[in-house]
């Protein structure tokens, strides 16, 4: 029989730090279909076919999340900075994968305004028992600082506010990128996230598994993977996923796909109303 925690969330019992990270969260619901400053979203690398990678390859939608050091997470109340990130096979919003769209300045009037392609913004997450705001950050690769498996540019979380925390959303199609510069960013659609300081794109390396505090996940780094047409590969594709207005416990990814014209014709022939 499972043991119930009869105390409040501030009382530390058993695996209390894991409970804090895995507490379910509610995402923001977009009324106009766009992403706004202050919105709570999850960052999802959509499922895609295996590319040139050999060996292990994790399929399904992968979600960016906090990945603290396994040993230090057990010994310390606070997260050690910088804190690692990874991607996990889930789209359930929890304390470790729900990010907030923040302005790159201290201007609070930006909250509620539409995020636009090409604008600098920050991705923050309230993590740990203290719910301290951490920022997704990156910097140029060095001999002493790089991602664990690929040795590419490392992506971490930090509690320091700086220009290294700035990212920008880029339209998916390179041929239409200039035309969409300054247009509002649509929620739940594929885009590319570029680190402003280094001009490297956020990437999920599904072929590079990591053993983390929460289980088997994959590496996340900042590197632009281009194909022969100089177009970003699917490992650089991300979605800013918002909440489902029909059910606050789920996301827009959980909504059924709209029926196609062929499906509607079959349903009408069978007398099924949609």
C-alpha atoms as a PDB file:
ATOM      1  CA  UNK A   1       0.000   0.000   0.000  1.00  0.00           C
ATOM      2  CA  UNK A   2       1.433   3.382  -0.976  1.00  0.00           C
ATOM      3  CA  UNK A   3       2.359   5.762   1.839  1.00  0.00           C
ATOM      4  CA  UNK A   4       0.549   9.080   1.603  1.00  0.00           C
ATOM      5  CA  UNK A   5       2.219  12.331   2.552  1.00  0.00           C
ATOM      6  CA  UNK A   6      -0.235  13.923   4.999  1.00  0.00           C
ATOM      7  CA  UNK A   7       1.887  17.034   5.402  1.00  0.00           C
ATOM      8  CA  UNK A   8       2.346  20.111   3.260  1.00  0.00           C
ATOM      9  CA  UNK A   9       4.830  20.326   0.363  1.00  0.00           C
ATOM     10  CA  UNK A  10       7.296  22.207   2.589  1.00  0.00           C
ATOM     11  CA  UNK A  11       7.692  19.190   4.906  1.00  0.00           C
ATOM     12  CA  UNK A  12      10.559  16.990   3.745  1.00  0.00           C
ATOM     13  CA  UNK A  13       9.699  13.309   3.813  1.00  0.00           C
ATOM     14  CA  UNK A  14      11.358  10.434   1.991  1.00  0.00           C
ATOM     15  CA  UNK A  15      12.416  11.376  -1.531  1.00  0.00           C
ATOM     16  CA  UNK A  16      11.296  14.981  -1.034  1.00  0.00           C
ATOM     17  CA  UNK A  17      13.605  16.494  -3.660  1.00  0.00           C
ATOM     18  CA  UNK A  18      12.292  14.149  -6.343  1.00  0.00           C
ATOM     19  CA  UNK A  19       8.709  15.016  -5.368  1.00  0.00           C
ATOM     20  CA  UNK A  20       9.467  18.721  -5.886  1.00  0.00           C
ATOM     21  CA  UNK A  21      10.820  18.116  -9.391  1.00  0.00           C
ATOM     22  CA  UNK A  22       7.996  15.788 -10.433  1.00  0.00           C
ATOM     23  CA  UNK A  23       5.125  17.882  -9.090  1.00  0.00           C
ATOM     24  CA  UNK A  24       2.634  18.414 -11.914  1.00  0.00           C
ATOM     25  CA  UNK A  25       2.312  21.940 -13.290  1.00  0.00           C
ATOM     26  CA  UNK A  26      -0.288  23.800 -15.342  1.00  0.00           C
ATOM     27  CA  UNK A  27       0.809  25.386 -18.598  1.00  0.00           C
ATOM     28  CA  UNK A  28      -0.431  28.718 -19.908  1.00  0.00           C
ATOM     29  CA  UNK A  29      -3.360  28.596 -22.326  1.00  0.00           C
ATOM     30  CA  UNK A  30      -2.931  30.695 -25.455  1.00  0.00           C
ATOM     31  CA  UNK A  31      -6.121  32.545 -26.348  1.00  0.00           C
ATOM     32  CA  UNK A  32      -4.835  33.877 -29.680  1.00  0.00           C
ATOM     33  CA  UNK A  33      -2.540  31.004 -30.704  1.00  0.00           C
ATOM     34  CA  UNK A  34       0.675  32.944 -30.012  1.00  0.00           C
ATOM     35  CA  UNK A  35       3.377  32.774 -27.338  1.00  0.00           C
ATOM     36  CA  UNK A  36       3.560  35.643 -24.842  1.00  0.00           C
ATOM     37  CA  UNK A  37       6.061  36.856 -22.293  1.00  0.00           C
ATOM     38  CA  UNK A  38       5.175  35.320 -18.957  1.00  0.00           C
ATOM     39  CA  UNK A  39       3.698  32.163 -20.505  1.00  0.00           C
ATOM     40  CA  UNK A  40       4.543  28.809 -18.949  1.00  0.00           C
ATOM     41  CA  UNK A  41       5.420  26.292 -21.652  1.00  0.00           C
ATOM     42  CA  UNK A  42       7.314  23.080 -22.213  1.00  0.00           C
ATOM     43  CA  UNK A  43      10.002  22.841 -24.896  1.00  0.00           C
ATOM     44  CA  UNK A  44       9.457  19.757 -27.032  1.00  0.00           C
ATOM     45  CA  UNK A  45      11.714  18.264 -29.679  1.00  0.00           C
ATOM     46  CA  UNK A  46       9.090  16.514 -31.880  1.00  0.00           C
ATOM     47  CA  UNK A  47       9.430  12.859 -32.788  1.00  0.00           C
ATOM     48  CA  UNK A  48      11.340  12.275 -36.015  1.00  0.00           C
ATOM     49  CA  UNK A  49      12.933   9.475 -37.989  1.00  0.00           C
ATOM     50  CA  UNK A  50      16.457   8.308 -37.340  1.00  0.00           C
ATOM     51  CA  UNK A  51      19.053  10.164 -39.395  1.00  0.00           C
ATOM     52  CA  UNK A  52      22.664   9.217 -39.868  1.00  0.00           C
ATOM     53  CA  UNK A  53      22.978   8.123 -36.222  1.00  0.00           C
ATOM     54  CA  UNK A  54      23.905   4.507 -35.538  1.00  0.00           C
ATOM     55  CA  UNK A  55      23.139   2.466 -32.440  1.00  0.00           C
ATOM     56  CA  UNK A  56      20.785   3.670 -29.719  1.00  0.00           C
ATOM     57  CA  UNK A  57      18.155   6.195 -30.810  1.00  0.00           C
ATOM     58  CA  UNK A  58      15.306   7.249 -28.522  1.00  0.00           C
ATOM     59  CA  UNK A  59      12.018   7.874 -30.327  1.00  0.00           C
ATOM     60  CA  UNK A  60       8.977   9.908 -29.352  1.00  0.00           C
ATOM     61  CA  UNK A  61       8.552  13.530 -28.316  1.00  0.00           C
ATOM     62  CA  UNK A  62      11.445  14.698 -26.125  1.00  0.00           C
ATOM     63  CA  UNK A  63      11.019  17.445 -23.546  1.00  0.00           C
ATOM     64  CA  UNK A  64      13.758  19.763 -22.257  1.00  0.00           C
ATOM     65  CA  UNK A  65      14.175  19.401 -18.488  1.00  0.00           C
ATOM     66  CA  UNK A  66      16.360  20.067 -15.458  1.00  0.00           C
ATOM     67  CA  UNK A  67      18.950  17.349 -14.860  1.00  0.00           C
ATOM     68  CA  UNK A  68      20.704  17.792 -11.490  1.00  0.00           C
ATOM     69  CA  UNK A  69      23.744  15.789 -10.503  1.00  0.00           C
ATOM     70  CA  UNK A  70      22.516  12.501  -8.993  1.00  0.00           C
ATOM     71  CA  UNK A  71      24.799  12.475  -5.938  1.00  0.00           C
ATOM     72  CA  UNK A  72      24.665  16.184  -5.156  1.00  0.00           C
ATOM     73  CA  UNK A  73      20.881  16.227  -5.470  1.00  0.00           C
ATOM     74  CA  UNK A  74      20.708  13.775  -2.558  1.00  0.00           C
ATOM     75  CA  UNK A  75      23.231  15.594  -0.374  1.00  0.00           C
ATOM     76  CA  UNK A  76      22.277  19.246  -0.858  1.00  0.00           C
ATOM     77  CA  UNK A  77      19.074  21.202  -0.376  1.00  0.00           C
ATOM     78  CA  UNK A  78      19.949  23.617  -3.173  1.00  0.00           C
ATOM     79  CA  UNK A  79      20.871  22.863  -6.770  1.00  0.00           C
ATOM     80  CA  UNK A  80      24.524  23.323  -7.587  1.00  0.00           C
ATOM     81  CA  UNK A  81      25.170  25.959 -10.244  1.00  0.00           C
ATOM     82  CA  UNK A  82      25.478  25.569 -13.130  1.00  0.00           C
ATOM     83  CA  UNK A  83      22.866  22.823 -13.289  1.00  0.00           C
ATOM     84  CA  UNK A  84      22.636  20.417 -16.208  1.00  0.00           C
ATOM     85  CA  UNK A  85      19.775  19.931 -18.649  1.00  0.00           C
ATOM     86  CA  UNK A  86      18.679  16.959 -20.726  1.00  0.00           C
ATOM     87  CA  UNK A  87      15.705  15.757 -22.774  1.00  0.00           C
ATOM     88  CA  UNK A  88      13.261  13.123 -21.566  1.00  0.00           C
ATOM     89  CA  UNK A  89      10.520  11.060 -23.227  1.00  0.00           C
ATOM     90  CA  UNK A  90       7.504  12.805 -21.750  1.00  0.00           C
ATOM     91  CA  UNK A  91       5.211  15.728 -22.461  1.00  0.00           C
ATOM     92  CA  UNK A  92       3.611  15.849 -19.015  1.00  0.00           C
ATOM     93  CA  UNK A  93       4.285  19.303 -17.513  1.00  0.00           C
ATOM     94  CA  UNK A  94       6.134  18.977 -14.197  1.00  0.00           C
ATOM     95  CA  UNK A  95       8.362  21.100 -12.027  1.00  0.00           C
ATOM     96  CA  UNK A  96      11.471  20.043 -13.923  1.00  0.00           C
ATOM     97  CA  UNK A  97      10.327  20.799 -17.481  1.00  0.00           C
ATOM     98  CA  UNK A  98       7.986  23.817 -17.251  1.00  0.00           C
ATOM     99  CA  UNK A  99       9.744  26.973 -18.452  1.00  0.00           C
ATOM    100  CA  UNK A 100       8.602  30.597 -18.368  1.00  0.00           C
ATOM    101  CA  UNK A 101       9.114  32.987 -21.296  1.00  0.00           C
ATOM    102  CA  UNK A 102      10.958  35.986 -19.827  1.00  0.00           C
ATOM    103  CA  UNK A 103      12.119  39.324 -21.182  1.00  0.00           C
ATOM    104  CA  UNK A 104      15.868  39.781 -21.639  1.00  0.00           C
ATOM    105  CA  UNK A 105      15.624  42.908 -19.464  1.00  0.00           C
ATOM    106  CA  UNK A 106      14.078  43.739 -16.122  1.00  0.00           C
ATOM    107  CA  UNK A 107      11.142  45.436 -17.860  1.00  0.00           C
ATOM    108  CA  UNK A 108       8.039  43.957 -16.230  1.00  0.00           C
ATOM    109  CA  UNK A 109       5.740  45.670 -18.713  1.00  0.00           C
ATOM    110  CA  UNK A 110       6.711  43.024 -21.273  1.00  0.00           C
ATOM    111  CA  UNK A 111       4.560  40.414 -19.496  1.00  0.00           C
ATOM    112  CA  UNK A 112       1.580  39.582 -21.691  1.00  0.00           C
ATOM    113  CA  UNK A 113       3.133  40.974 -24.861  1.00  0.00           C
ATOM    114  CA  UNK A 114       3.528  38.684 -27.865  1.00  0.00           C
ATOM    115  CA  UNK A 115       6.934  37.075 -28.431  1.00  0.00           C
ATOM    116  CA  UNK A 116       8.218  37.768 -31.940  1.00  0.00           C
ATOM    117  CA  UNK A 117      10.659  36.032 -34.259  1.00  0.00           C
ATOM    118  CA  UNK A 118      14.131  37.523 -33.873  1.00  0.00           C
ATOM    119  CA  UNK A 119      13.477  39.002 -30.418  1.00  0.00           C
ATOM    120  CA  UNK A 120      15.834  38.208 -27.555  1.00  0.00           C
ATOM    121  CA  UNK A 121      14.187  36.419 -24.655  1.00  0.00           C
ATOM    122  CA  UNK A 122      15.115  34.198 -21.729  1.00  0.00           C
ATOM    123  CA  UNK A 123      13.836  30.810 -20.634  1.00  0.00           C
ATOM    124  CA  UNK A 124      13.470  30.558 -16.873  1.00  0.00           C
ATOM    125  CA  UNK A 125      12.446  27.709 -14.618  1.00  0.00           C
ATOM    126  CA  UNK A 126      11.647  27.780 -10.898  1.00  0.00           C
ATOM    127  CA  UNK A 127      13.532  24.732  -9.639  1.00  0.00           C
ATOM    128  CA  UNK A 128      14.369  23.117  -6.324  1.00  0.00           C
ATOM    129  CA  UNK A 129      12.791  23.486  -2.915  1.00  0.00           C
ATOM    130  CA  UNK A 130      13.546  27.216  -2.878  1.00  0.00           C
ATOM    131  CA  UNK A 131      11.872  27.656  -6.311  1.00  0.00           C
ATOM    132  CA  UNK A 132      14.781  29.860  -7.335  1.00  0.00           C
ATOM    133  CA  UNK A 133      14.539  31.174 -10.903  1.00  0.00           C
ATOM    134  CA  UNK A 134      17.152  29.534 -13.132  1.00  0.00           C
ATOM    135  CA  UNK A 135      17.914  30.617 -16.699  1.00  0.00           C
ATOM    136  CA  UNK A 136      18.771  28.474 -19.695  1.00  0.00           C
ATOM    137  CA  UNK A 137      22.300  29.517 -20.607  1.00  0.00           C
ATOM    138  CA  UNK A 138      25.220  28.629 -22.861  1.00  0.00           C
ATOM    139  CA  UNK A 139      28.681  29.842 -23.807  1.00  0.00           C
ATOM    140  CA  UNK A 140      31.445  28.996 -26.247  1.00  0.00           C
ATOM    141  CA  UNK A 141      32.993  25.557 -25.889  1.00  0.00           C
ATOM    142  CA  UNK A 142      36.395  25.273 -24.201  1.00  0.00           C
ATOM    143  CA  UNK A 143      38.695  22.403 -23.280  1.00  0.00           C
ATOM    144  CA  UNK A 144      37.269  22.425 -19.772  1.00  0.00           C
ATOM    145  CA  UNK A 145      33.638  23.174 -20.595  1.00  0.00           C
ATOM    146  CA  UNK A 146      31.643  21.167 -23.123  1.00  0.00           C
ATOM    147  CA  UNK A 147      28.713  18.743 -23.296  1.00  0.00           C
ATOM    148  CA  UNK A 148      29.280  15.316 -21.745  1.00  0.00           C
ATOM    149  CA  UNK A 149      28.916  13.017 -24.740  1.00  0.00           C
ATOM    150  CA  UNK A 150      29.302  15.017 -27.961  1.00  0.00           C
ATOM    151  CA  UNK A 151      31.892  17.516 -26.655  1.00  0.00           C
ATOM    152  CA  UNK A 152      29.907  20.279 -28.305  1.00  0.00           C
ATOM    153  CA  UNK A 153      28.769  23.562 -26.762  1.00  0.00           C
ATOM    154  CA  UNK A 154      27.267  22.960 -23.342  1.00  0.00           C
ATOM    155  CA  UNK A 155      23.785  24.097 -22.283  1.00  0.00           C
ATOM    156  CA  UNK A 156      23.133  24.605 -18.571  1.00  0.00           C
ATOM    157  CA  UNK A 157      20.912  26.400 -16.087  1.00  0.00           C
ATOM    158  CA  UNK A 158      22.276  29.285 -14.039  1.00  0.00           C
ATOM    159  CA  UNK A 159      20.935  31.680 -11.422  1.00  0.00           C
ATOM    160  CA  UNK A 160      22.987  34.582 -12.784  1.00  0.00           C
ATOM    161  CA  UNK A 161      21.347  37.083 -15.104  1.00  0.00           C
ATOM    162  CA  UNK A 162      23.546  37.865 -18.131  1.00  0.00           C
ATOM    163  CA  UNK A 163      23.631  38.123 -21.921  1.00  0.00           C
ATOM    164  CA  UNK A 164      24.514  34.410 -22.027  1.00  0.00           C
ATOM    165  CA  UNK A 165      20.887  33.626 -21.139  1.00  0.00           C
ATOM    166  CA  UNK A 166      19.407  35.204 -24.282  1.00  0.00           C
ATOM    167  CA  UNK A 167      17.795  33.117 -27.023  1.00  0.00           C
ATOM    168  CA  UNK A 168      15.770  33.918 -30.115  1.00  0.00           C
ATOM    169  CA  UNK A 169      13.057  32.047 -31.984  1.00  0.00           C
ATOM    170  CA  UNK A 170      13.710  31.557 -35.700  1.00  0.00           C
ATOM    171  CA  UNK A 171      11.127  30.581 -38.311  1.00  0.00           C
ATOM    172  CA  UNK A 172      11.526  26.976 -39.418  1.00  0.00           C
ATOM    173  CA  UNK A 173      11.755  27.548 -43.192  1.00  0.00           C
ATOM    174  CA  UNK A 174      15.029  29.378 -44.020  1.00  0.00           C
ATOM    175  CA  UNK A 175      13.572  30.745 -47.272  1.00  0.00           C
ATOM    176  CA  UNK A 176      10.820  32.571 -45.355  1.00  0.00           C
ATOM    177  CA  UNK A 177      12.937  33.564 -42.366  1.00  0.00           C
ATOM    178  CA  UNK A 178      13.472  37.187 -43.358  1.00  0.00           C
ATOM    179  CA  UNK A 179       9.802  37.663 -44.190  1.00  0.00           C
ATOM    180  CA  UNK A 180       8.715  36.376 -40.781  1.00  0.00           C
ATOM    181  CA  UNK A 181      11.230  38.481 -38.834  1.00  0.00           C
ATOM    182  CA  UNK A 182       9.223  40.475 -36.297  1.00  0.00           C
ATOM    183  CA  UNK A 183       6.055  38.384 -36.714  1.00  0.00           C
ATOM    184  CA  UNK A 184       4.445  36.818 -33.607  1.00  0.00           C
ATOM    185  CA  UNK A 185       5.662  33.336 -32.657  1.00  0.00           C
ATOM    186  CA  UNK A 186       2.878  30.773 -32.934  1.00  0.00           C
ATOM    187  CA  UNK A 187       2.499  28.315 -30.080  1.00  0.00           C
ATOM    188  CA  UNK A 188       2.761  24.561 -30.667  1.00  0.00           C
ATOM    189  CA  UNK A 189       4.513  24.921 -34.034  1.00  0.00           C
ATOM    190  CA  UNK A 190       8.035  23.903 -34.982  1.00  0.00           C
ATOM    191  CA  UNK A 191      10.792  26.506 -34.828  1.00  0.00           C
ATOM    192  CA  UNK A 192      14.531  26.762 -34.215  1.00  0.00           C
ATOM    193  CA  UNK A 193      15.940  28.264 -31.011  1.00  0.00           C
ATOM    194  CA  UNK A 194      19.260  30.065 -31.469  1.00  0.00           C
ATOM    195  CA  UNK A 195      21.549  31.142 -28.662  1.00  0.00           C
ATOM    196  CA  UNK A 196      22.009  34.867 -29.176  1.00  0.00           C
ATOM    197  CA  UNK A 197      25.646  35.177 -28.054  1.00  0.00           C
ATOM    198  CA  UNK A 198      27.119  32.164 -29.883  1.00  0.00           C
ATOM    199  CA  UNK A 199      24.589  31.773 -32.741  1.00  0.00           C
ATOM    200  CA  UNK A 200      24.286  28.038 -32.060  1.00  0.00           C
ATOM    201  CA  UNK A 201      20.924  26.254 -32.212  1.00  0.00           C
ATOM    202  CA  UNK A 202      19.526  24.212 -29.342  1.00  0.00           C
ATOM    203  CA  UNK A 203      19.741  20.501 -30.190  1.00  0.00           C
ATOM    204  CA  UNK A 204      18.487  17.215 -28.702  1.00  0.00           C
ATOM    205  CA  UNK A 205      20.916  14.346 -29.330  1.00  0.00           C
ATOM    206  CA  UNK A 206      18.676  11.276 -29.261  1.00  0.00           C
ATOM    207  CA  UNK A 207      21.609   8.982 -30.068  1.00  0.00           C
ATOM    208  CA  UNK A 208      23.550  10.041 -26.953  1.00  0.00           C
ATOM    209  CA  UNK A 209      21.755   8.654 -23.872  1.00  0.00           C
ATOM    210  CA  UNK A 210      22.557   9.875 -20.371  1.00  0.00           C
ATOM    211  CA  UNK A 211      21.992   8.152 -17.048  1.00  0.00           C
ATOM    212  CA  UNK A 212      20.477  10.853 -14.853  1.00  0.00           C
ATOM    213  CA  UNK A 213      18.917  11.173 -11.417  1.00  0.00           C
ATOM    214  CA  UNK A 214      15.520  10.454 -13.008  1.00  0.00           C
ATOM    215  CA  UNK A 215      16.536   7.636 -15.355  1.00  0.00           C
ATOM    216  CA  UNK A 216      17.572   7.330 -18.985  1.00  0.00           C
ATOM    217  CA  UNK A 217      17.484  10.613 -20.899  1.00  0.00           C
ATOM    218  CA  UNK A 218      19.410  12.179 -23.789  1.00  0.00           C
ATOM    219  CA  UNK A 219      21.961  14.947 -24.156  1.00  0.00           C
ATOM    220  CA  UNK A 220      21.022  18.533 -25.006  1.00  0.00           C
ATOM    221  CA  UNK A 221      23.650  20.835 -26.505  1.00  0.00           C
ATOM    222  CA  UNK A 222      23.964  24.034 -28.513  1.00  0.00           C
ATOM    223  CA  UNK A 223      25.029  23.135 -32.042  1.00  0.00           C
ATOM    224  CA  UNK A 224      23.508  23.843 -35.452  1.00  0.00           C
ATOM    225  CA  UNK A 225      23.133  20.596 -37.412  1.00  0.00           C
ATOM    226  CA  UNK A 226      22.683  21.403 -41.114  1.00  0.00           C
ATOM    227  CA  UNK A 227      21.786  19.059 -43.963  1.00  0.00           C
ATOM    228  CA  UNK A 228      23.094  19.247 -47.533  1.00  0.00           C
ATOM    229  CA  UNK A 229      20.659  22.098 -48.262  1.00  0.00           C
ATOM    230  CA  UNK A 230      21.935  24.167 -45.311  1.00  0.00           C
ATOM    231  CA  UNK A 231      18.690  23.596 -43.426  1.00  0.00           C
ATOM    232  CA  UNK A 232      18.552  22.729 -39.727  1.00  0.00           C
ATOM    233  CA  UNK A 233      17.985  19.036 -39.061  1.00  0.00           C
ATOM    234  CA  UNK A 234      15.063  17.764 -36.923  1.00  0.00           C
ATOM    235  CA  UNK A 235      17.320  17.545 -33.862  1.00  0.00           C
ATOM    236  CA  UNK A 236      17.280  21.378 -33.916  1.00  0.00           C
ATOM    237  CA  UNK A 237      13.478  21.594 -34.147  1.00  0.00           C
ATOM    238  CA  UNK A 238      11.528  22.633 -31.054  1.00  0.00           C
ATOM    239  CA  UNK A 239       7.968  23.549 -30.112  1.00  0.00           C
ATOM    240  CA  UNK A 240       6.829  25.937 -27.389  1.00  0.00           C
ATOM    241  CA  UNK A 241       3.898  23.871 -26.171  1.00  0.00           C
ATOM    242  CA  UNK A 242       1.037  25.476 -24.239  1.00  0.00           C
ATOM    243  CA  UNK A 243      -1.798  24.038 -22.169  1.00  0.00           C
ATOM    244  CA  UNK A 244      -4.963  22.387 -23.404  1.00  0.00           C
ATOM    245  CA  UNK A 245      -7.993  24.667 -22.796  1.00  0.00           C
ATOM    246  CA  UNK A 246     -10.278  21.621 -22.576  1.00  0.00           C
ATOM    247  CA  UNK A 247      -8.211  19.965 -19.849  1.00  0.00           C
ATOM    248  CA  UNK A 248      -5.674  21.931 -17.815  1.00  0.00           C
ATOM    249  CA  UNK A 249      -3.836  18.722 -16.895  1.00  0.00           C
ATOM    250  CA  UNK A 250      -2.787  18.111 -20.502  1.00  0.00           C
ATOM    251  CA  UNK A 251      -1.077  19.986 -23.333  1.00  0.00           C
ATOM    252  CA  UNK A 252      -2.037  20.944 -26.870  1.00  0.00           C
ATOM    253  CA  UNK A 253      -0.104  17.885 -28.064  1.00  0.00           C
ATOM    254  CA  UNK A 254      -2.785  15.710 -26.458  1.00  0.00           C
ATOM    255  CA  UNK A 255      -5.544  17.093 -28.678  1.00  0.00           C
ATOM    256  CA  UNK A 256      -6.617  14.733 -31.482  1.00  0.00           C
ATOM    257  CA  UNK A 257      -5.557  15.717 -34.966  1.00  0.00           C
ATOM    258  CA  UNK A 258      -8.321  17.400 -37.007  1.00  0.00           C
ATOM    259  CA  UNK A 259      -9.910  15.085 -39.586  1.00  0.00           C
ATOM    260  CA  UNK A 260      -8.714  15.388 -43.159  1.00  0.00           C
ATOM    261  CA  UNK A 261     -11.029  15.856 -46.139  1.00  0.00           C
ATOM    262  CA  UNK A 262     -10.772  12.142 -46.959  1.00  0.00           C
ATOM    263  CA  UNK A 263     -11.707  11.211 -43.399  1.00  0.00           C
ATOM    264  CA  UNK A 264     -14.705  13.555 -43.440  1.00  0.00           C
ATOM    265  CA  UNK A 265     -15.940  12.018 -46.701  1.00  0.00           C
ATOM    266  CA  UNK A 266     -15.759   8.505 -45.236  1.00  0.00           C
ATOM    267  CA  UNK A 267     -17.533   9.603 -42.047  1.00  0.00           C
ATOM    268  CA  UNK A 268     -20.314  11.284 -44.043  1.00  0.00           C
ATOM    269  CA  UNK A 269     -20.767   8.162 -46.163  1.00  0.00           C
ATOM    270  CA  UNK A 270     -21.077   6.076 -42.986  1.00  0.00           C
ATOM    271  CA  UNK A 271     -23.494   8.562 -41.438  1.00  0.00           C
ATOM    272  CA  UNK A 272     -21.104   9.549 -38.655  1.00  0.00           C
ATOM    273  CA  UNK A 273     -21.508  13.149 -37.527  1.00  0.00           C
ATOM    274  CA  UNK A 274     -18.374  15.045 -36.488  1.00  0.00           C
END
